[in-house]
Amino acid sequence: VVRRRLDMGIPLGMPDGVHINGHGGQSRTSFKVDPGRTSRLRISNVGLSTSLNFRIQGHKLKLVEAEGSHTIQNLYDSLDLHVGQSCTVLITTNQPPNEYYIVASTRFSRRVVAAVGLLRYSNSWQSASG
């Protein structure tokens, strides 16, 4: 069906959803982390038509690799990934014990589609807010 539509010149539409670690829509993934540690995350946009923005509430993302190449290790509040791009970031769990939202959402599109996950500190007794 997709091939026939593309052969007829019909552009791809918006994605039906965005996933974080295989979860999207009402299903949320959760990552349990210990405070004071640094974790590596691999982020990929495996979509066909839409750029994505990735962010973690209250945490900086240190970009250490993009498309297999080392980078100048700058800190970012969020990162845009275009179709087919992948990168590796480091996050340091240096915030007060809590749950923090992880968000991946479409970018540069009229309609926003998003997935939400949770970064949960192992010593947290509070739920994410905001």
Foldseek 3Di string as FASTA:
>chain_A
DVVVCVVVVNDDDDDPADDDVRDTDPDAAEAEDAAQDKDKDKDWAQDDAFKKKKAKPPKWWFWQFKPRDGDDGDTDRIDIGDHGIMTMTMIHRHDPFEKIKIKMWTPPDPDIHMGIYIYGYPPHPYYYDD
